[in-house]
PDB file of N, CA and C in Angstrom:
ATOM      1  N   UNK A   1       0.843  -1.167   0.000  1.00  0.00           N
ATOM      2  CA  UNK A   1       0.000   0.000   0.000  1.00  0.00           C
ATOM      3  C   UNK A   1       0.888   1.229   0.000  1.00  0.00           C
ATOM      4  N   UNK A   2       0.468   2.237  -0.736  1.00  0.00           N
ATOM      5  CA  UNK A   2       1.246   3.461  -0.840  1.00  0.00           C
ATOM      6  C   UNK A   2       0.408   4.651  -0.425  1.00  0.00           C
ATOM      7  N   UNK A   3       1.116   5.705  -0.056  1.00  0.00           N
ATOM      8  CA  UNK A   3       0.463   6.948   0.338  1.00  0.00           C
ATOM      9  C   UNK A   3       1.178   8.083  -0.375  1.00  0.00           C
ATOM     10  N   UNK A   4       0.403   8.972  -0.967  1.00  0.00           N
ATOM     11  CA  UNK A   4       0.995  10.124  -1.649  1.00  0.00           C
ATOM     12  C   UNK A   4       1.441  11.147  -0.616  1.00  0.00           C
ATOM     13  N   UNK A   5       2.672  11.608  -0.781  1.00  0.00           N
ATOM     14  CA  UNK A   5       3.196  12.610   0.138  1.00  0.00           C
ATOM     15  C   UNK A   5       2.534  13.957  -0.128  1.00  0.00           C
ATOM     16  N   UNK A   6       2.462  14.766   0.932  1.00  0.00           N
ATOM     17  CA  UNK A   6       1.813  16.068   0.824  1.00  0.00           C
ATOM     18  C   UNK A   6       2.571  17.012  -0.096  1.00  0.00           C
ATOM     19  N   UNK A   7       3.894  16.912  -0.089  1.00  0.00           N
ATOM     20  CA  UNK A   7       4.728  17.797  -0.894  1.00  0.00           C
ATOM     21  C   UNK A   7       5.305  16.991  -2.051  1.00  0.00           C
ATOM     22  N   UNK A   8       5.131  17.480  -3.258  1.00  0.00           N
ATOM     23  CA  UNK A   8       5.687  16.816  -4.425  1.00  0.00           C
ATOM     24  C   UNK A   8       4.782  15.702  -4.939  1.00  0.00           C
ATOM     25  N   UNK A   9       5.306  14.999  -5.919  1.00  0.00           N
ATOM     26  CA  UNK A   9       4.547  13.918  -6.545  1.00  0.00           C
ATOM     27  C   UNK A   9       5.069  12.547  -6.142  1.00  0.00           C
ATOM     28  N   UNK A  10       5.722  12.458  -5.010  1.00  0.00           N
ATOM     29  CA  UNK A  10       6.306  11.195  -4.571  1.00  0.00           C
ATOM     30  C   UNK A  10       5.301  10.380  -3.771  1.00  0.00           C
ATOM     31  N   UNK A  11       5.517   9.083  -3.784  1.00  0.00           N
ATOM     32  CA  UNK A  11       4.693   8.159  -3.022  1.00  0.00           C
ATOM     33  C   UNK A  11       5.554   7.449  -1.990  1.00  0.00           C
ATOM     34  N   UNK A  12       4.968   7.112  -0.871  1.00  0.00           N
ATOM     35  CA  UNK A  12       5.670   6.469   0.234  1.00  0.00           C
ATOM     36  C   UNK A  12       5.046   5.109   0.489  1.00  0.00           C
ATOM     37  N   UNK A  13       5.887   4.094   0.627  1.00  0.00           N
ATOM     38  CA  UNK A  13       5.407   2.747   0.916  1.00  0.00           C
ATOM     39  C   UNK A  13       4.964   2.677   2.375  1.00  0.00           C
ATOM     40  N   UNK A  14       3.687   2.392   2.588  1.00  0.00           N
ATOM     41  CA  UNK A  14       3.130   2.335   3.933  1.00  0.00           C
ATOM     42  C   UNK A  14       3.187   0.909   4.470  1.00  0.00           C
ATOM     43  N   UNK A  15       2.852  -0.052   3.652  1.00  0.00           N
ATOM     44  CA  UNK A  15       2.865  -1.448   4.088  1.00  0.00           C
ATOM     45  C   UNK A  15       2.806  -2.376   2.892  1.00  0.00           C
ATOM     46  N   UNK A  16       3.269  -3.589   3.104  1.00  0.00           N
ATOM     47  CA  UNK A  16       3.232  -4.589   2.041  1.00  0.00           C
ATOM     48  C   UNK A  16       2.014  -5.475   2.227  1.00  0.00           C
ATOM     49  N   UNK A  17       1.382  -5.786   1.127  1.00  0.00           N
ATOM     50  CA  UNK A  17       0.229  -6.676   1.150  1.00  0.00           C
ATOM     51  C   UNK A  17       0.554  -7.870   0.264  1.00  0.00           C
ATOM     52  N   UNK A  18       0.501  -9.060   0.837  1.00  0.00           N
ATOM     53  CA  UNK A  18       0.784 -10.277   0.088  1.00  0.00           C
ATOM     54  C   UNK A  18      -0.531 -10.822  -0.464  1.00  0.00           C
ATOM     55  N   UNK A  19      -0.769 -10.567  -1.720  1.00  0.00           N
ATOM     56  CA  UNK A  19      -1.989 -11.057  -2.339  1.00  0.00           C
ATOM     57  C   UNK A  19      -1.647 -11.859  -3.584  1.00  0.00           C
ATOM     58  N   UNK A  20      -2.518 -12.774  -3.934  1.00  0.00           N
ATOM     59  CA  UNK A  20      -2.360 -13.526  -5.165  1.00  0.00           C
ATOM     60  C   UNK A  20      -1.044 -14.250  -5.242  1.00  0.00           C
ATOM     61  N   UNK A  21      -0.411 -14.118  -6.382  1.00  0.00           N
ATOM     62  CA  UNK A  21       0.821 -14.854  -6.636  1.00  0.00           C
ATOM     63  C   UNK A  21       1.999 -14.307  -5.828  1.00  0.00           C
ATOM     64  N   UNK A  22       1.917 -13.077  -5.334  1.00  0.00           N
ATOM     65  CA  UNK A  22       3.025 -12.489  -4.575  1.00  0.00           C
ATOM     66  C   UNK A  22       3.275 -13.174  -3.240  1.00  0.00           C
ATOM     67  N   UNK A  23       2.302 -13.914  -2.716  1.00  0.00           N
ATOM     68  CA  UNK A  23       2.514 -14.598  -1.440  1.00  0.00           C
ATOM     69  C   UNK A  23       3.508 -15.751  -1.575  1.00  0.00           C
ATOM     70  N   UNK A  24       3.832 -16.128  -2.816  1.00  0.00           N
ATOM     71  CA  UNK A  24       4.785 -17.201  -3.063  1.00  0.00           C
ATOM     72  C   UNK A  24       6.212 -16.668  -3.234  1.00  0.00           C
ATOM     73  N   UNK A  25       6.414 -15.395  -2.964  1.00  0.00           N
ATOM     74  CA  UNK A  25       7.725 -14.776  -3.141  1.00  0.00           C
ATOM     75  C   UNK A  25       8.213 -14.165  -1.837  1.00  0.00           C
ATOM     76  N   UNK A  26       9.539 -14.072  -1.704  1.00  0.00           N
ATOM     77  CA  UNK A  26      10.193 -13.443  -0.561  1.00  0.00           C
ATOM     78  C   UNK A  26      11.008 -12.275  -1.105  1.00  0.00           C
ATOM     79  N   UNK A  27      10.900 -11.142  -0.437  1.00  0.00           N
ATOM     80  CA  UNK A  27      11.634  -9.958  -0.869  1.00  0.00           C
ATOM     81  C   UNK A  27      12.918  -9.842  -0.069  1.00  0.00           C
ATOM     82  N   UNK A  28      14.040  -9.778  -0.778  1.00  0.00           N
ATOM     83  CA  UNK A  28      15.350  -9.538  -0.174  1.00  0.00           C
ATOM     84  C   UNK A  28      15.916  -8.280  -0.808  1.00  0.00           C
ATOM     85  N   UNK A  29      15.866  -7.197  -0.063  1.00  0.00           N
ATOM     86  CA  UNK A  29      16.292  -5.917  -0.630  1.00  0.00           C
ATOM     87  C   UNK A  29      15.335  -5.505  -1.730  1.00  0.00           C
ATOM     88  N   UNK A  30      15.865  -5.378  -2.931  1.00  0.00           N
ATOM     89  CA  UNK A  30      15.040  -4.995  -4.066  1.00  0.00           C
ATOM     90  C   UNK A  30      14.679  -6.195  -4.934  1.00  0.00           C
ATOM     91  N   UNK A  31      15.113  -7.393  -4.545  1.00  0.00           N
ATOM     92  CA  UNK A  31      14.897  -8.589  -5.353  1.00  0.00           C
ATOM     93  C   UNK A  31      13.769  -9.441  -4.789  1.00  0.00           C
ATOM     94  N   UNK A  32      13.055 -10.104  -5.678  1.00  0.00           N
ATOM     95  CA  UNK A  32      12.020 -11.058  -5.294  1.00  0.00           C
ATOM     96  C   UNK A  32      12.492 -12.454  -5.663  1.00  0.00           C
ATOM     97  N   UNK A  33      12.402 -13.380  -4.721  1.00  0.00           N
ATOM     98  CA  UNK A  33      12.776 -14.766  -4.956  1.00  0.00           C
ATOM     99  C   UNK A  33      11.568 -15.650  -4.680  1.00  0.00           C
ATOM    100  N   UNK A  34      11.378 -16.690  -5.490  1.00  0.00           N
ATOM    101  CA  UNK A  34      10.326 -17.652  -5.150  1.00  0.00           C
ATOM    102  C   UNK A  34      10.627 -18.284  -3.796  1.00  0.00           C
ATOM    103  N   UNK A  35       9.594 -18.498  -2.994  1.00  0.00           N
ATOM    104  CA  UNK A  35       9.768 -19.031  -1.645  1.00  0.00           C
ATOM    105  C   UNK A  35      10.485 -20.384  -1.659  1.00  0.00           C
ATOM    106  N   UNK A  36      10.177 -21.224  -2.629  1.00  0.00           N
ATOM    107  CA  UNK A  36      10.788 -22.545  -2.685  1.00  0.00           C
ATOM    108  C   UNK A  36      12.247 -22.516  -3.117  1.00  0.00           C
ATOM    109  N   UNK A  37      12.737 -21.384  -3.601  1.00  0.00           N
ATOM    110  CA  UNK A  37      14.139 -21.265  -3.986  1.00  0.00           C
ATOM    111  C   UNK A  37      15.058 -21.536  -2.801  1.00  0.00           C
ATOM    112  N   UNK A  38      14.714 -21.015  -1.636  1.00  0.00           N
ATOM    113  CA  UNK A  38      15.546 -21.207  -0.451  1.00  0.00           C
ATOM    114  C   UNK A  38      15.543 -22.666  -0.004  1.00  0.00           C
ATOM    115  N   UNK A  39      14.385 -23.323  -0.068  1.00  0.00           N
ATOM    116  CA  UNK A  39      14.312 -24.751   0.265  1.00  0.00           C
ATOM    117  C   UNK A  39      15.147 -25.562  -0.712  1.00  0.00           C
ATOM    118  N   UNK A  40      15.082 -25.203  -1.985  1.00  0.00           N
ATOM    119  CA  UNK A  40      15.830 -25.931  -3.006  1.00  0.00           C
ATOM    120  C   UNK A  40      17.339 -25.778  -2.802  1.00  0.00           C
ATOM    121  N   UNK A  41      17.782 -24.564  -2.529  1.00  0.00           N
ATOM    122  CA  UNK A  41      19.220 -24.331  -2.323  1.00  0.00           C
ATOM    123  C   UNK A  41      19.703 -25.036  -1.053  1.00  0.00           C
ATOM    124  N   UNK A  42      18.937 -24.937   0.029  1.00  0.00           N
ATOM    125  CA  UNK A  42      19.317 -25.561   1.291  1.00  0.00           C
ATOM    126  C   UNK A  42      19.391 -27.080   1.156  1.00  0.00           C
ATOM    127  N   UNK A  43      18.376 -27.699   0.565  1.00  0.00           N
ATOM    128  CA  UNK A  43      18.372 -29.155   0.436  1.00  0.00           C
ATOM    129  C   UNK A  43      19.441 -29.624  -0.546  1.00  0.00           C
ATOM    130  N   UNK A  44      19.717 -28.857  -1.587  1.00  0.00           N
ATOM    131  CA  UNK A  44      20.784 -29.220  -2.529  1.00  0.00           C
ATOM    132  C   UNK A  44      22.137 -29.180  -1.842  1.00  0.00           C
ATOM    133  N   UNK A  45      22.362 -28.167  -1.014  1.00  0.00           N
ATOM    134  CA  UNK A  45      23.625 -28.068  -0.285  1.00  0.00           C
ATOM    135  C   UNK A  45      23.820 -29.262   0.648  1.00  0.00           C
ATOM    136  N   UNK A  46      22.787 -29.601   1.406  1.00  0.00           N
ATOM    137  CA  UNK A  46      22.895 -30.748   2.317  1.00  0.00           C
ATOM    138  C   UNK A  46      23.078 -32.053   1.562  1.00  0.00           C
ATOM    139  N   UNK A  47      22.399 -32.201   0.436  1.00  0.00           N
ATOM    140  CA  UNK A  47      22.513 -33.402  -0.388  1.00  0.00           C
ATOM    141  C   UNK A  47      23.947 -33.560  -0.911  1.00  0.00           C
ATOM    142  N   UNK A  48      24.528 -32.472  -1.404  1.00  0.00           N
ATOM    143  CA  UNK A  48      25.903 -32.530  -1.910  1.00  0.00           C
ATOM    144  C   UNK A  48      26.907 -32.806  -0.793  1.00  0.00           C
ATOM    145  N   UNK A  49      26.684 -32.227   0.381  1.00  0.00           N
ATOM    146  CA  UNK A  49      27.558 -32.515   1.521  1.00  0.00           C
ATOM    147  C   UNK A  49      27.495 -33.999   1.872  1.00  0.00           C
ATOM    148  N   UNK A  50      26.288 -34.546   1.876  1.00  0.00           N
ATOM    149  CA  UNK A  50      26.141 -35.978   2.169  1.00  0.00           C
ATOM    150  C   UNK A  50      26.882 -36.807   1.127  1.00  0.00           C
ATOM    151  N   UNK A  51      26.680 -36.498  -0.150  1.00  0.00           N
ATOM    152  CA  UNK A  51      27.319 -37.287  -1.203  1.00  0.00           C
ATOM    153  C   UNK A  51      28.842 -37.193  -1.147  1.00  0.00           C
ATOM    154  N   UNK A  52      29.353 -36.005  -0.880  1.00  0.00           N
ATOM    155  CA  UNK A  52      30.802 -35.808  -0.916  1.00  0.00           C
ATOM    156  C   UNK A  52      31.513 -36.255   0.358  1.00  0.00           C
ATOM    157  N   UNK A  53      30.879 -36.090   1.513  1.00  0.00           N
ATOM    158  CA  UNK A  53      31.577 -36.340   2.767  1.00  0.00           C
ATOM    159  C   UNK A  53      31.157 -37.619   3.495  1.00  0.00           C
ATOM    160  N   UNK A  54      29.892 -37.982   3.411  1.00  0.00           N
ATOM    161  CA  UNK A  54      29.401 -39.050   4.265  1.00  0.00           C
ATOM    162  C   UNK A  54      29.104 -40.368   3.553  1.00  0.00           C
ATOM    163  N   UNK A  55      28.963 -40.352   2.251  1.00  0.00           N
ATOM    164  CA  UNK A  55      28.649 -41.589   1.547  1.00  0.00           C
ATOM    165  C   UNK A  55      29.948 -42.339   1.260  1.00  0.00           C
ATOM    166  N   UNK A  56      30.170 -43.417   1.996  1.00  0.00           N
ATOM    167  CA  UNK A  56      31.410 -44.165   1.868  1.00  0.00           C
ATOM    168  C   UNK A  56      31.307 -45.319   0.872  1.00  0.00           C
ATOM    169  N   UNK A  57      30.204 -46.032   0.902  1.00  0.00           N
ATOM    170  CA  UNK A  57      30.039 -47.171   0.000  1.00  0.00           C
ATOM    171  C   UNK A  57      28.564 -47.299  -0.373  1.00  0.00           C
ATOM    172  N   UNK A  58      28.298 -48.104  -1.388  1.00  0.00           N
ATOM    173  CA  UNK A  58      26.923 -48.311  -1.828  1.00  0.00           C
ATOM    174  C   UNK A  58      26.294 -49.466  -1.062  1.00  0.00           C
ATOM    175  N   UNK A  59      25.501 -49.105  -0.081  1.00  0.00           N
ATOM    176  CA  UNK A  59      24.725 -50.096   0.641  1.00  0.00           C
ATOM    177  C   UNK A  59      23.249 -49.816   0.360  1.00  0.00           C
ATOM    178  N   UNK A  60      22.389 -50.640   0.879  1.00  0.00           N
ATOM    179  CA  UNK A  60      20.969 -50.448   0.670  1.00  0.00           C
ATOM    180  C   UNK A  60      20.506 -49.114   1.260  1.00  0.00           C
ATOM    181  N   UNK A  61      21.052 -48.754   2.410  1.00  0.00           N
ATOM    182  CA  UNK A  61      20.670 -47.509   3.061  1.00  0.00           C
ATOM    183  C   UNK A  61      21.134 -46.285   2.274  1.00  0.00           C
ATOM    184  N   UNK A  62      22.375 -46.297   1.797  1.00  0.00           N
ATOM    185  CA  UNK A  62      22.886 -45.143   1.057  1.00  0.00           C
ATOM    186  C   UNK A  62      22.182 -44.980  -0.288  1.00  0.00           C
ATOM    187  N   UNK A  63      21.818 -46.075  -0.922  1.00  0.00           N
ATOM    188  CA  UNK A  63      21.065 -45.985  -2.174  1.00  0.00           C
ATOM    189  C   UNK A  63      19.693 -45.380  -1.903  1.00  0.00           C
ATOM    190  N   UNK A  64      19.034 -45.805  -0.821  1.00  0.00           N
ATOM    191  CA  UNK A  64      17.731 -45.238  -0.460  1.00  0.00           C
ATOM    192  C   UNK A  64      17.828 -43.741  -0.193  1.00  0.00           C
ATOM    193  N   UNK A  65      18.831 -43.334   0.591  1.00  0.00           N
ATOM    194  CA  UNK A  65      19.011 -41.916   0.909  1.00  0.00           C
ATOM    195  C   UNK A  65      19.304 -41.115  -0.356  1.00  0.00           C
ATOM    196  N   UNK A  66      20.130 -41.663  -1.237  1.00  0.00           N
ATOM    197  CA  UNK A  66      20.482 -40.973  -2.473  1.00  0.00           C
ATOM    198  C   UNK A  66      19.261 -40.786  -3.373  1.00  0.00           C
ATOM    199  N   UNK A  67      18.470 -41.847  -3.544  1.00  0.00           N
ATOM    200  CA  UNK A  67      17.279 -41.760  -4.392  1.00  0.00           C
ATOM    201  C   UNK A  67      16.235 -40.834  -3.764  1.00  0.00           C
ATOM    202  N   UNK A  68      15.995 -40.982  -2.462  1.00  0.00           N
ATOM    203  CA  UNK A  68      15.027 -40.132  -1.773  1.00  0.00           C
ATOM    204  C   UNK A  68      15.445 -38.667  -1.846  1.00  0.00           C
ATOM    205  N   UNK A  69      16.724 -38.387  -1.636  1.00  0.00           N
ATOM    206  CA  UNK A  69      17.232 -37.016  -1.722  1.00  0.00           C
ATOM    207  C   UNK A  69      17.073 -36.435  -3.115  1.00  0.00           C
ATOM    208  N   UNK A  70      17.327 -37.246  -4.138  1.00  0.00           N
ATOM    209  CA  UNK A  70      17.169 -36.778  -5.514  1.00  0.00           C
ATOM    210  C   UNK A  70      15.712 -36.444  -5.814  1.00  0.00           C
ATOM    211  N   UNK A  71      14.784 -37.231  -5.288  1.00  0.00           N
ATOM    212  CA  UNK A  71      13.353 -36.958  -5.492  1.00  0.00           C
ATOM    213  C   UNK A  71      12.955 -35.655  -4.807  1.00  0.00           C
ATOM    214  N   UNK A  72      13.429 -35.460  -3.581  1.00  0.00           N
ATOM    215  CA  UNK A  72      13.128 -34.225  -2.844  1.00  0.00           C
ATOM    216  C   UNK A  72      13.681 -33.015  -3.591  1.00  0.00           C
ATOM    217  N   UNK A  73      14.915 -33.119  -4.086  1.00  0.00           N
ATOM    218  CA  UNK A  73      15.505 -32.014  -4.839  1.00  0.00           C
ATOM    219  C   UNK A  73      14.706 -31.706  -6.095  1.00  0.00           C
ATOM    220  N   UNK A  74      14.303 -32.748  -6.807  1.00  0.00           N
ATOM    221  CA  UNK A  74      13.526 -32.540  -8.029  1.00  0.00           C
ATOM    222  C   UNK A  74      12.218 -31.816  -7.724  1.00  0.00           C
ATOM    223  N   UNK A  75      11.553 -32.204  -6.640  1.00  0.00           N
ATOM    224  CA  UNK A  75      10.294 -31.557  -6.272  1.00  0.00           C
ATOM    225  C   UNK A  75      10.518 -30.092  -5.924  1.00  0.00           C
ATOM    226  N   UNK A  76      11.527 -29.794  -5.108  1.00  0.00           N
ATOM    227  CA  UNK A  76      11.781 -28.403  -4.725  1.00  0.00           C
ATOM    228  C   UNK A  76      12.154 -27.542  -5.932  1.00  0.00           C
ATOM    229  N   UNK A  77      13.036 -28.050  -6.820  1.00  0.00           N
ATOM    230  CA  UNK A  77      13.460 -27.253  -7.960  1.00  0.00           C
ATOM    231  C   UNK A  77      12.326 -27.075  -8.963  1.00  0.00           C
ATOM    232  N   UNK A  78      11.487 -28.092  -9.149  1.00  0.00           N
ATOM    233  CA  UNK A  78      10.344 -27.929 -10.056  1.00  0.00           C
ATOM    234  C   UNK A  78       9.321 -26.973  -9.454  1.00  0.00           C
ATOM    235  N   UNK A  79       9.118 -27.047  -8.136  1.00  0.00           N
ATOM    236  CA  UNK A  79       8.150 -26.177  -7.472  1.00  0.00           C
ATOM    237  C   UNK A  79       8.591 -24.716  -7.566  1.00  0.00           C
ATOM    238  N   UNK A  80       9.854 -24.429  -7.315  1.00  0.00           N
ATOM    239  CA  UNK A  80      10.299 -23.054  -7.380  1.00  0.00           C
ATOM    240  C   UNK A  80      10.324 -22.573  -8.827  1.00  0.00           C
ATOM    241  N   UNK A  81      10.571 -23.470  -9.782  1.00  0.00           N
ATOM    242  CA  UNK A  81      10.555 -23.096 -11.195  1.00  0.00           C
ATOM    243  C   UNK A  81       9.138 -22.753 -11.636  1.00  0.00           C
ATOM    244  N   UNK A  82       8.145 -23.382 -11.045  1.00  0.00           N
ATOM    245  CA  UNK A  82       6.747 -23.109 -11.393  1.00  0.00           C
ATOM    246  C   UNK A  82       6.368 -21.675 -11.041  1.00  0.00           C
ATOM    247  N   UNK A  83       6.999 -21.107  -9.998  1.00  0.00           N
ATOM    248  CA  UNK A  83       6.699 -19.735  -9.601  1.00  0.00           C
ATOM    249  C   UNK A  83       7.659 -18.746 -10.260  1.00  0.00           C
ATOM    250  N   UNK A  84       8.611 -19.263 -11.020  1.00  0.00           N
ATOM    251  CA  UNK A  84       9.452 -18.409 -11.835  1.00  0.00           C
ATOM    252  C   UNK A  84      10.716 -17.925 -11.176  1.00  0.00           C
ATOM    253  N   UNK A  85      11.818 -18.285 -11.771  1.00  0.00           N
ATOM    254  CA  UNK A  85      13.109 -17.720 -11.432  1.00  0.00           C
ATOM    255  C   UNK A  85      14.017 -17.972 -12.602  1.00  0.00           C
TER     256      UNK A  85
END
């Protein structure tokens, strides 16, 4: 919401209203990011750390974690792509 200043033709931001598609975005400074972008980046970072540091051999458990992690990453990246970035 904006308010016109008494002097000049400038407008002042009074408050933000999250309506419609804008509720799916987060504002950082002057940039808008899809909300799922942060989930996608965070889960991708943890997934890569697991693959690089903690996965020692291919066992049934590590294959399950790897496949499950890949599915989660795909969902987050497709979800954030649906809202545009």
